[in-house]
Amino acid sequence: MTSSQPRYELTAVPAPKTFPHVKTPVISDNVMALRLKKSLTAMQQHNLHALIIYADKEHGGNFEYLAGFIPRFEEALLILTADGQLSYVMGNENLKLVPYARNSGKCLHAPAFSLPNQPMDNDAPLTEVLAQAGLKHENRIGVVGWKLFTSKLGDNQYQFDVPAFILEAVIDIAGKRENVVNATSLFISPAHGVRRLNTASEIAFYEYGANLASTNILAALDEIAPGKTEKQIGQLLSADGQPGNVVMIAATGDRFANACLYPTDKEIRLGDKFSLTVGFKGGLSSRSAYVVAAEHELAPAVADYLSALAIPYYHAVTTWLETLQPGLTGGELYQTIENVMPKEKFHWHLNPGHLVADEEWLCSPVYANSTIRLESGMIFQIDIIPSLPGYGGCSIEDTVALADATLRNELQSHFPEVWQRMETRKAYLRDVLNIRVSEDVILLSNTVGYLRPFLLDKNRALVRQR
């Protein structure tokens, strides 16, 4: 560190407060209606007669944004026409969900979306089903998958990530390929996508997942000890019966033995590097550090882990937190991290910060030379991942959001319990960790800024010295 940088030391501090077993909020009816209105406006702006929104279990966020649910087991389409009519095209096992959709619409059956060898009752060419949804010859149709193509090597509007048999039917009914375009950006573009900004009701909904993930991460951190297995720690990351939105990680030592992505029976050993990750709708928490109680227990090759990696990384995170504010461009935030933790030395290669929603990674306005302005209503994951050759990782990924005075007042008025949790987190950040963020930054995770670089030392964390 240079003399102008803050000084950080391992300090005995209380752990952040967690909030287990909070109630699951429901996004309000008027916000669900607003989502539909915003989608229709985006269609008009892009001169589209219809949107076809694809979904399966792994790629259901854009569908769920309007429907309130994802298809289980199967594929599905949600079709929105310019006059505001919705049609749900479902396989056998999701037909029963349509009456519960948050934005109501017509239910159409496409048995080809069902599991292999299930009954093909009501079988018909997919073009006929699309016609029943109101699609017509020569319509300009936008197809919404989940992939935001941004390559500079081709025309991204004619690249698609939906199954070929669906795309072929859409092109057939539209009359020619030029009438069908990739419209995923209407939902998830970091510059104009309708899903990039959240209301108070949506932030309260997503805070549930961020709170749950960070509560479970801290519980798991407290139980790490030599002799325990990855499975014993991993089971602490699941809670409340909620589905994760990423593959859970509880990994000790070298990862991916036998191509395994999941917690195994491997026992934790003194000196191991260790990784933990869990994510739910609205937030992810992740930690990487060493299974030691102090520096002298580290292997000689990484004995300087604290000064070589942990402290520079922590300085980058605290700088990120204190820099974040509405009006900043994504390029300016990117350059801030480049200045304090140069990519050439620390080899981070993803975006240092990205947007979160039902998906763990929605999109990101944070990249080199990005001119996209950060706005109130954006929910961010702190996702700075250094990779220093020879060293284990160091990470404290958590979830925060931007909220201007109007949005903060709405949260305080309509979701007082959520607001109080956010205020408790910010007080801990300020009063215990000496990190001061903009008044426009709200904290959805309990563990924002909390780094234990030595996992067997349950009492000390890195703290900025003032």
Protein backbone atom coordinates (compact mmCIF):
# COMPACT_ATOMS: atom_id res chain seq x y z
CA MET A 1 0.00 0.00 0.00
CA THR A 2 1.08 3.58 -0.52
CA SER A 3 1.20 6.03 2.36
CA SER A 4 -1.98 7.68 1.04
CA GLN A 5 -4.02 4.51 1.43
CA PRO A 6 -5.84 3.59 4.63
CA ARG A 7 -4.30 1.08 6.98
CA TYR A 8 -6.10 -2.21 7.60
CA GLU A 9 -5.49 -4.56 10.51
CA LEU A 10 -6.95 -7.77 11.85
CA THR A 11 -9.11 -6.60 14.72
CA ALA A 12 -11.37 -8.34 17.21
CA VAL A 13 -14.90 -7.19 16.34
CA PRO A 14 -18.37 -8.60 16.83
CA ALA A 15 -19.77 -10.43 13.82
CA PRO A 16 -22.53 -8.65 11.90
CA LYS A 17 -26.08 -9.26 13.04
CA THR A 18 -28.08 -11.75 10.99
CA PHE A 19 -31.82 -12.13 10.56
CA PRO A 20 -32.91 -15.76 10.24
CA HIS A 21 -36.45 -16.85 9.40
CA VAL A 22 -37.82 -13.53 8.14
CA LYS A 23 -41.11 -13.52 6.25
CA THR A 24 -41.11 -13.87 2.47
CA PRO A 25 -42.57 -10.74 0.86
CA VAL A 26 -44.76 -10.81 -2.23
CA ILE A 27 -44.31 -8.34 -5.06
CA SER A 28 -47.45 -6.21 -5.16
CA ASP A 29 -50.12 -6.48 -7.85
CA ASN A 30 -49.59 -2.89 -8.96
CA VAL A 31 -45.86 -3.51 -9.46
CA MET A 32 -46.60 -6.62 -11.52
CA ALA A 33 -48.96 -4.50 -13.65
CA LEU A 34 -46.26 -1.85 -13.93
CA ARG A 35 -43.84 -4.49 -15.24
CA LEU A 36 -46.29 -5.29 -18.03
CA LYS A 37 -46.76 -1.61 -18.84
CA LYS A 38 -42.99 -1.04 -19.00
CA SER A 39 -42.60 -4.03 -21.32
CA LEU A 40 -45.28 -2.73 -23.67
CA THR A 41 -43.64 0.69 -23.76
CA ALA A 42 -40.30 -0.91 -24.62
CA MET A 43 -41.98 -2.85 -27.43
CA GLN A 44 -43.39 0.36 -28.88
CA GLN A 45 -40.01 2.06 -28.68
CA HIS A 46 -38.46 -0.81 -30.65
CA ASN A 47 -41.31 -1.04 -33.17
CA LEU A 48 -42.28 -4.61 -32.29
CA HIS A 49 -45.68 -6.16 -32.93
CA ALA A 50 -45.03 -8.99 -30.48
CA LEU A 51 -42.58 -10.37 -27.95
CA ILE A 52 -41.93 -14.09 -27.53
CA ILE A 53 -40.30 -14.71 -24.15
CA TYR A 54 -38.62 -18.11 -23.80
CA ALA A 55 -38.14 -19.91 -20.50
CA ASP A 56 -36.94 -23.13 -18.98
CA LYS A 57 -35.98 -23.85 -15.39
CA GLU A 58 -32.46 -22.49 -15.79
CA HIS A 59 -33.44 -19.49 -17.90
CA GLY A 60 -36.75 -18.22 -16.57
CA GLY A 61 -36.05 -14.73 -15.27
CA ASN A 62 -37.55 -12.71 -18.12
CA PHE A 63 -40.61 -14.98 -18.22
CA GLU A 64 -41.01 -14.79 -14.44
CA TYR A 65 -40.75 -10.98 -14.54
CA LEU A 66 -44.25 -10.91 -16.04
CA ALA A 67 -45.67 -14.30 -15.05
CA GLY A 68 -44.51 -14.55 -11.44
CA PHE A 69 -43.44 -18.19 -11.95
CA ILE A 70 -41.06 -20.28 -14.04
CA PRO A 71 -41.90 -23.49 -15.90
CA ARG A 72 -40.72 -26.59 -14.05
CA PHE A 73 -39.36 -29.55 -16.04
CA GLU A 74 -40.28 -28.00 -19.39
CA GLU A 75 -39.88 -25.16 -21.83
CA ALA A 76 -42.49 -22.42 -22.13
CA LEU A 77 -43.22 -19.27 -24.07
CA LEU A 78 -44.91 -16.10 -22.90
CA ILE A 79 -46.22 -14.10 -25.85
CA LEU A 80 -47.06 -10.42 -25.51
CA THR A 81 -48.70 -8.59 -28.40
CA ALA A 82 -48.67 -4.84 -28.91
CA ASP A 83 -52.30 -4.55 -27.79
CA GLY A 84 -51.33 -5.92 -24.36
CA GLN A 85 -52.62 -9.48 -24.77
CA LEU A 86 -50.67 -12.24 -23.02
CA SER A 87 -50.59 -15.90 -24.03
CA TYR A 88 -48.86 -18.66 -22.07
CA VAL A 89 -47.67 -21.56 -24.25
CA MET A 90 -47.07 -24.46 -21.90
CA GLY A 91 -46.15 -28.14 -21.86
CA ASN A 92 -48.19 -30.81 -20.10
CA GLU A 93 -47.03 -30.22 -16.54
CA ASN A 94 -47.24 -26.44 -16.38
CA LEU A 95 -50.69 -25.86 -17.82
CA LYS A 96 -52.04 -25.82 -14.25
CA LEU A 97 -49.87 -22.83 -13.33
CA VAL A 98 -51.38 -20.40 -15.82
CA PRO A 99 -54.48 -19.57 -13.71
CA TYR A 100 -52.10 -18.37 -11.00
CA ALA A 101 -50.06 -16.06 -13.25
CA ARG A 102 -49.56 -12.60 -11.79
CA ASN A 103 -50.45 -11.06 -15.17
CA SER A 104 -53.32 -13.12 -16.54
CA GLY A 105 -53.44 -14.41 -20.07
CA LYS A 106 -54.63 -17.10 -22.44
CA CYS A 107 -53.38 -20.66 -21.85
CA LEU A 108 -52.20 -22.54 -24.95
CA HIS A 109 -50.93 -26.11 -25.04
CA ALA A 110 -47.70 -27.13 -26.79
CA PRO A 111 -47.13 -30.79 -25.89
CA ALA A 112 -43.76 -30.68 -27.67
CA PHE A 113 -42.51 -28.68 -24.65
CA SER A 114 -43.17 -31.68 -22.39
CA LEU A 115 -40.76 -34.31 -21.12
CA PRO A 116 -39.74 -37.18 -23.47
CA ASN A 117 -42.48 -39.70 -24.27
CA GLN A 118 -45.23 -37.87 -22.43
CA PRO A 119 -48.65 -37.85 -24.14
CA MET A 120 -48.91 -35.66 -27.22
CA ASP A 121 -52.63 -34.86 -26.85
CA ASN A 122 -53.64 -31.66 -28.66
CA ASP A 123 -50.52 -31.92 -30.79
CA ALA A 124 -50.41 -29.23 -33.48
CA PRO A 125 -47.71 -27.42 -35.44
CA LEU A 126 -46.14 -24.78 -33.26
CA THR A 127 -46.96 -22.19 -35.93
CA GLU A 128 -50.66 -22.84 -35.32
CA VAL A 129 -50.20 -22.31 -31.59
CA LEU A 130 -48.35 -19.05 -32.26
CA ALA A 131 -51.17 -17.93 -34.52
CA GLN A 132 -53.66 -18.60 -31.70
CA ALA A 133 -51.58 -16.17 -29.60
CA GLY A 134 -52.16 -13.45 -32.19
CA LEU A 135 -48.96 -13.62 -34.22
CA LYS A 136 -49.38 -12.80 -37.89
CA HIS A 137 -47.53 -12.91 -41.18
CA GLU A 138 -45.20 -9.92 -41.61
CA ASN A 139 -45.26 -9.07 -37.91
CA ARG A 140 -41.99 -7.73 -36.51
CA ILE A 141 -41.35 -10.12 -33.65
CA GLY A 142 -38.83 -9.84 -30.81
CA VAL A 143 -37.51 -13.06 -29.31
CA VAL A 144 -36.39 -12.84 -25.67
CA GLY A 145 -34.03 -15.53 -24.42
CA TRP A 146 -31.58 -14.94 -21.60
CA LYS A 147 -28.32 -14.20 -23.39
CA LEU A 148 -27.42 -10.57 -24.03
CA PHE A 149 -25.16 -10.88 -27.07
CA THR A 150 -22.57 -8.08 -27.11
CA SER A 151 -19.95 -9.37 -29.55
CA LYS A 152 -18.47 -6.87 -31.99
CA LEU A 153 -17.90 -9.60 -34.59
CA GLY A 154 -21.43 -9.91 -35.93
CA ASP A 155 -24.97 -8.53 -35.94
CA ASN A 156 -26.22 -9.38 -32.48
CA GLN A 157 -29.87 -8.70 -33.31
CA TYR A 158 -29.93 -11.86 -35.43
CA GLN A 159 -28.27 -14.15 -32.88
CA PHE A 160 -30.61 -16.25 -30.74
CA ASP A 161 -30.30 -18.56 -27.75
CA VAL A 162 -33.66 -20.37 -27.96
CA PRO A 163 -34.16 -23.91 -29.31
CA ALA A 164 -34.04 -24.17 -33.08
CA PHE A 165 -37.50 -25.77 -33.41
CA ILE A 166 -39.03 -22.74 -31.68
CA LEU A 167 -37.05 -20.18 -33.66
CA GLU A 168 -37.93 -21.89 -36.95
CA ALA A 169 -41.63 -21.72 -36.15
CA VAL A 170 -41.37 -18.03 -35.23
CA ILE A 171 -39.57 -17.21 -38.49
CA ASP A 172 -42.13 -19.23 -40.41
CA ILE A 173 -45.09 -17.32 -39.02
CA ALA A 174 -43.30 -13.96 -39.39
CA GLY A 175 -42.74 -14.67 -43.08
CA LYS A 176 -39.02 -13.97 -43.28
CA ARG A 177 -35.99 -14.08 -41.05
CA GLU A 178 -35.50 -10.29 -41.09
CA ASN A 179 -38.81 -9.86 -39.26
CA VAL A 180 -37.46 -11.72 -36.21
CA VAL A 181 -34.93 -10.04 -33.94
CA ASN A 182 -33.29 -10.74 -30.59
CA ALA A 183 -35.13 -8.52 -28.09
CA THR A 184 -33.51 -9.74 -24.87
CA SER A 185 -32.04 -6.26 -24.41
CA LEU A 186 -35.52 -4.87 -23.78
CA PHE A 187 -35.41 -6.74 -20.48
CA ILE A 188 -31.77 -6.91 -19.39
CA SER A 189 -29.73 -4.23 -21.17
CA PRO A 190 -27.80 -2.42 -18.42
CA ALA A 191 -28.52 0.83 -20.26
CA HIS A 192 -32.27 0.58 -20.92
CA GLY A 193 -33.62 -2.86 -19.94
CA VAL A 194 -36.88 -2.74 -18.01
CA ARG A 195 -35.50 -5.11 -15.37
CA ARG A 196 -32.44 -3.06 -14.43
CA LEU A 197 -34.35 -0.76 -12.03
CA ASN A 198 -36.38 -1.93 -9.05
CA THR A 199 -39.24 -0.48 -7.06
CA ALA A 200 -39.45 -0.58 -3.26
CA SER A 201 -41.66 -3.68 -3.47
CA GLU A 202 -39.09 -5.46 -5.65
CA ILE A 203 -36.15 -4.47 -3.45
CA ALA A 204 -38.01 -5.79 -0.39
CA PHE A 205 -38.66 -9.04 -2.27
CA TYR A 206 -35.02 -9.44 -3.30
CA GLU A 207 -33.70 -8.46 0.13
CA TYR A 208 -35.19 -11.70 1.42
CA GLY A 209 -32.79 -13.77 -0.70
CA ALA A 210 -29.76 -11.60 0.03
CA ASN A 211 -30.50 -11.75 3.76
CA LEU A 212 -30.92 -15.53 3.61
CA ALA A 213 -27.69 -16.08 1.68
CA SER A 214 -25.60 -13.89 3.97
CA THR A 215 -27.17 -15.34 7.12
CA ASN A 216 -26.28 -18.84 5.95
CA ILE A 217 -22.76 -17.85 4.89
CA LEU A 218 -22.00 -16.55 8.37
CA ALA A 219 -23.45 -19.69 9.98
CA ALA A 220 -21.23 -21.84 7.74
CA LEU A 221 -18.14 -19.73 8.43
CA ASP A 222 -18.66 -20.23 12.15
CA GLU A 223 -18.62 -24.04 11.76
CA ILE A 224 -15.51 -24.46 9.60
CA ALA A 225 -12.98 -26.66 11.39
CA PRO A 226 -10.40 -29.32 10.49
CA GLY A 227 -11.92 -32.77 10.27
CA LYS A 228 -15.35 -31.64 9.14
CA THR A 229 -16.41 -32.44 5.61
CA GLU A 230 -17.53 -30.24 2.74
CA LYS A 231 -21.00 -31.78 3.08
CA GLN A 232 -21.23 -30.85 6.76
CA ILE A 233 -20.48 -27.22 5.94
CA GLY A 234 -22.51 -27.20 2.73
CA GLN A 235 -25.71 -28.28 4.42
CA LEU A 236 -25.62 -25.05 6.45
CA LEU A 237 -25.95 -23.01 3.27
CA SER A 238 -29.43 -24.35 2.46
CA ALA A 239 -32.37 -22.98 4.42
CA ASP A 240 -36.11 -22.29 4.41
CA GLY A 241 -36.58 -24.74 1.56
CA GLN A 242 -35.62 -22.05 -0.94
CA PRO A 243 -34.12 -22.94 -4.34
CA GLY A 244 -30.66 -21.58 -5.01
CA ASN A 245 -29.91 -19.58 -8.14
CA VAL A 246 -26.28 -20.77 -8.37
CA VAL A 247 -24.45 -24.03 -7.74
CA MET A 248 -23.65 -24.10 -4.03
CA ILE A 249 -19.94 -24.16 -3.19
CA ALA A 250 -18.39 -25.61 -0.04
CA ALA A 251 -14.96 -26.63 -1.24
CA THR A 252 -11.77 -27.27 0.68
CA GLY A 253 -8.31 -27.64 -0.87
CA ASP A 254 -8.15 -28.15 -4.61
CA ARG A 255 -11.55 -28.05 -6.31
CA PHE A 256 -13.19 -30.08 -9.08
CA ALA A 257 -11.63 -33.48 -8.31
CA ASN A 258 -13.42 -36.10 -10.43
CA ALA A 259 -15.17 -33.18 -12.19
CA CYS A 260 -17.35 -32.69 -9.09
CA LEU A 261 -18.99 -29.28 -8.63
CA TYR A 262 -20.77 -30.07 -5.38
CA PRO A 263 -19.81 -30.59 -1.71
CA THR A 264 -18.22 -34.00 -1.14
CA ASP A 265 -16.94 -36.13 1.75
CA LYS A 266 -13.52 -34.45 1.57
CA GLU A 267 -12.33 -33.46 5.03
CA ILE A 268 -11.10 -29.97 5.83
CA ARG A 269 -7.39 -29.81 6.73
CA LEU A 270 -5.39 -27.14 8.51
CA GLY A 271 -3.89 -24.80 5.91
CA ASP A 272 -6.45 -25.58 3.19
CA LYS A 273 -7.80 -22.87 0.98
CA PHE A 274 -11.57 -22.83 1.28
CA SER A 275 -14.47 -21.45 -0.79
CA LEU A 276 -18.12 -20.92 0.15
CA THR A 277 -20.91 -19.62 -2.10
CA VAL A 278 -24.68 -19.59 -1.86
CA GLY A 279 -27.22 -17.50 -3.74
CA PHE A 280 -30.99 -17.05 -3.76
CA LYS A 281 -33.28 -14.75 -5.72
CA GLY A 282 -31.98 -11.25 -5.04
CA GLY A 283 -28.58 -11.93 -3.61
CA LEU A 284 -25.48 -14.06 -3.36
CA SER A 285 -22.79 -14.28 -0.71
CA SER A 286 -19.38 -15.81 -1.25
CA ARG A 287 -16.22 -16.19 0.80
CA SER A 288 -12.74 -17.50 0.01
CA ALA A 289 -9.88 -17.63 2.52
CA TYR A 290 -7.54 -20.04 4.36
CA VAL A 291 -8.31 -22.60 7.08
CA VAL A 292 -5.84 -21.23 9.62
CA ALA A 293 -6.04 -19.22 12.82
CA ALA A 294 -3.02 -17.00 12.17
CA GLU A 295 -0.32 -16.21 9.61
CA HIS A 296 2.21 -18.63 11.08
CA GLU A 297 -0.09 -21.55 10.16
CA LEU A 298 0.02 -20.69 6.46
CA ALA A 299 2.30 -22.67 4.15
CA PRO A 300 5.63 -20.87 3.57
CA ALA A 301 4.77 -20.16 -0.09
CA VAL A 302 1.72 -18.13 0.94
CA ALA A 303 2.92 -16.84 4.30
CA ASP A 304 2.41 -13.25 3.12
CA TYR A 305 -1.19 -13.87 2.02
CA LEU A 306 -2.47 -11.08 4.26
CA SER A 307 -0.27 -8.33 2.83
CA ALA A 308 0.07 -9.72 -0.69
CA LEU A 309 -3.61 -10.40 -1.42
CA ALA A 310 -6.12 -10.06 1.41
CA ILE A 311 -5.41 -6.44 2.31
CA PRO A 312 -5.13 -5.14 -1.29
CA TYR A 313 -8.36 -6.95 -2.13
CA TYR A 314 -10.12 -5.60 0.94
CA HIS A 315 -8.97 -2.10 0.07
CA ALA A 316 -10.46 -2.55 -3.41
CA VAL A 317 -13.81 -3.64 -1.91
CA THR A 318 -13.96 -0.76 0.56
CA THR A 319 -13.05 1.65 -2.23
CA TRP A 320 -15.79 0.16 -4.43
CA LEU A 321 -18.33 0.58 -1.65
CA GLU A 322 -17.37 4.16 -0.90
CA THR A 323 -17.27 5.12 -4.59
CA LEU A 324 -20.67 3.67 -5.55
CA GLN A 325 -23.36 6.30 -6.10
CA PRO A 326 -26.04 7.27 -8.62
CA GLY A 327 -24.75 9.21 -11.60
CA LEU A 328 -21.37 7.49 -11.64
CA THR A 329 -20.66 5.72 -14.91
CA GLY A 330 -19.88 2.04 -15.02
CA GLY A 331 -16.58 2.95 -16.68
CA GLU A 332 -15.63 5.20 -13.78
CA LEU A 333 -16.34 2.44 -11.25
CA TYR A 334 -14.35 -0.01 -13.36
CA GLN A 335 -11.39 2.37 -13.53
CA THR A 336 -11.54 2.93 -9.77
CA ILE A 337 -10.88 -0.78 -9.22
CA GLU A 338 -8.21 -0.83 -11.90
CA ASN A 339 -6.45 2.03 -10.09
CA VAL A 340 -6.40 0.39 -6.65
CA MET A 341 -5.99 -3.25 -7.70
CA PRO A 342 -4.47 -3.38 -11.21
CA LYS A 343 -5.73 -6.21 -13.39
CA GLU A 344 -2.22 -6.83 -14.75
CA LYS A 345 -1.05 -7.83 -11.27
CA PHE A 346 -4.17 -9.31 -9.68
CA HIS A 347 -5.61 -10.96 -12.80
CA TRP A 348 -9.30 -10.29 -12.18
CA HIS A 349 -11.12 -10.82 -15.44
CA LEU A 350 -14.89 -10.42 -14.92
CA ASN A 351 -16.84 -7.22 -14.30
CA PRO A 352 -16.07 -5.64 -10.90
CA GLY A 353 -19.75 -5.38 -10.02
CA HIS A 354 -22.90 -6.55 -11.81
CA LEU A 355 -26.68 -6.33 -11.52
CA VAL A 356 -28.74 -8.89 -9.63
CA ALA A 357 -32.41 -9.90 -9.78
CA ASP A 358 -33.99 -13.37 -9.86
CA GLU A 359 -30.74 -14.35 -11.58
CA GLU A 360 -27.41 -14.18 -9.77
CA TRP A 361 -26.01 -12.30 -12.79
CA LEU A 362 -28.52 -10.20 -14.71
CA CYS A 363 -26.10 -8.00 -16.68
CA SER A 364 -23.44 -5.41 -15.88
CA PRO A 365 -22.97 -1.72 -16.59
CA VAL A 366 -19.46 -1.96 -15.11
CA TYR A 367 -16.84 -2.48 -17.79
CA ALA A 368 -13.96 -0.56 -19.35
CA ASN A 369 -15.08 2.77 -20.85
CA SER A 370 -18.76 2.12 -20.07
CA THR A 371 -20.79 5.33 -20.33
CA ILE A 372 -23.85 3.81 -18.63
CA ARG A 373 -24.91 5.83 -15.61
CA LEU A 374 -25.63 3.99 -12.38
CA GLU A 375 -29.19 4.66 -11.22
CA SER A 376 -31.41 4.44 -8.18
CA GLY A 377 -33.13 1.06 -8.15
CA MET A 378 -30.12 -0.93 -9.39
CA ILE A 379 -29.16 -3.94 -7.24
CA PHE A 380 -25.46 -4.84 -7.35
CA GLN A 381 -23.34 -7.79 -6.42
CA ILE A 382 -19.80 -6.89 -5.37
CA ASP A 383 -17.97 -9.27 -7.67
CA ILE A 384 -14.26 -8.46 -7.64
CA ILE A 385 -12.35 -11.74 -8.02
CA PRO A 386 -8.55 -11.48 -7.79
CA SER A 387 -6.36 -14.37 -8.91
CA LEU A 388 -2.81 -14.05 -7.65
CA PRO A 389 -0.69 -16.97 -8.93
CA GLY A 390 0.27 -19.38 -6.16
CA TYR A 391 -2.29 -18.08 -3.66
CA GLY A 392 -5.75 -19.24 -2.71
CA GLY A 393 -8.61 -16.87 -3.34
CA CYS A 394 -9.92 -13.98 -1.29
CA SER A 395 -13.51 -12.86 -1.67
CA ILE A 396 -16.39 -11.21 0.15
CA GLU A 397 -19.13 -11.05 -2.46
CA ASP A 398 -22.38 -9.56 -1.18
CA THR A 399 -25.36 -7.50 -2.36
CA VAL A 400 -26.09 -3.77 -2.17
CA ALA A 401 -28.39 -1.40 -4.06
CA LEU A 402 -28.75 2.24 -5.01
CA ALA A 403 -31.79 4.08 -3.64
CA ASP A 404 -32.45 7.80 -3.88
CA ALA A 405 -34.40 9.70 -1.21
CA THR A 406 -37.77 8.87 -2.78
CA LEU A 407 -37.02 5.15 -2.93
CA ARG A 408 -35.60 5.13 0.59
CA ASN A 409 -38.72 6.85 1.92
CA GLU A 410 -40.91 4.26 0.20
CA LEU A 411 -38.92 1.44 1.74
CA GLN A 412 -39.10 3.01 5.18
CA SER A 413 -42.85 3.69 4.92
CA HIS A 414 -44.05 0.46 3.32
CA PHE A 415 -41.43 -2.06 4.44
CA PRO A 416 -40.30 -0.90 7.89
CA GLU A 417 -38.80 -4.26 8.94
CA VAL A 418 -36.74 -4.45 5.76
CA TRP A 419 -35.68 -0.84 6.23
CA GLN A 420 -34.60 -1.48 9.82
CA ARG A 421 -32.44 -4.40 8.73
CA MET A 422 -30.81 -2.18 6.12
CA GLU A 423 -30.13 0.53 8.68
CA THR A 424 -28.64 -2.01 11.11
CA ARG A 425 -26.27 -3.22 8.38
CA LYS A 426 -25.19 0.30 7.46
CA ALA A 427 -24.54 1.16 11.11
CA TYR A 428 -22.29 -1.90 11.42
CA LEU A 429 -20.40 -0.94 8.28
CA ARG A 430 -19.91 2.60 9.57
CA ASP A 431 -19.38 2.09 13.29
CA VAL A 432 -17.53 -1.24 13.40
CA LEU A 433 -15.70 -1.53 10.05
CA ASN A 434 -15.16 2.23 9.52
CA ILE A 435 -16.58 2.13 5.99
CA ARG A 436 -18.78 5.07 5.03
CA VAL A 437 -20.99 4.70 1.98
CA SER A 438 -23.18 7.20 0.18
CA GLU A 439 -26.60 7.80 1.69
CA ASP A 440 -27.91 6.44 -1.62
CA VAL A 441 -26.36 3.01 -0.94
CA ILE A 442 -28.51 0.46 0.89
CA LEU A 443 -27.31 -2.94 2.07
CA LEU A 444 -29.27 -6.10 1.28
CA SER A 445 -26.68 -8.54 2.69
CA ASN A 446 -25.74 -8.75 6.37
CA THR A 447 -22.06 -9.45 5.71
CA VAL A 448 -21.15 -6.54 3.41
CA GLY A 449 -17.53 -5.56 4.08
CA TYR A 450 -16.90 -8.36 6.59
CA LEU A 451 -13.72 -10.33 5.81
CA ARG A 452 -12.16 -13.04 7.95
CA PRO A 453 -8.99 -13.94 6.03
CA PHE A 454 -8.15 -16.68 8.58
CA LEU A 455 -11.19 -18.91 8.89
CA LEU A 456 -10.27 -20.55 12.21
CA ASP A 457 -10.06 -17.13 13.86
CA LYS A 458 -13.74 -16.49 14.41
CA ASN A 459 -13.23 -13.21 16.26
CA ARG A 460 -11.00 -11.08 14.06
CA ALA A 461 -11.77 -9.41 10.75
CA LEU A 462 -9.98 -6.84 8.65
CA VAL A 463 -10.89 -3.36 9.81
CA ARG A 464 -9.86 0.02 8.44
CA GLN A 465 -7.85 1.94 11.01
CA ARG A 466 -8.70 5.63 11.39
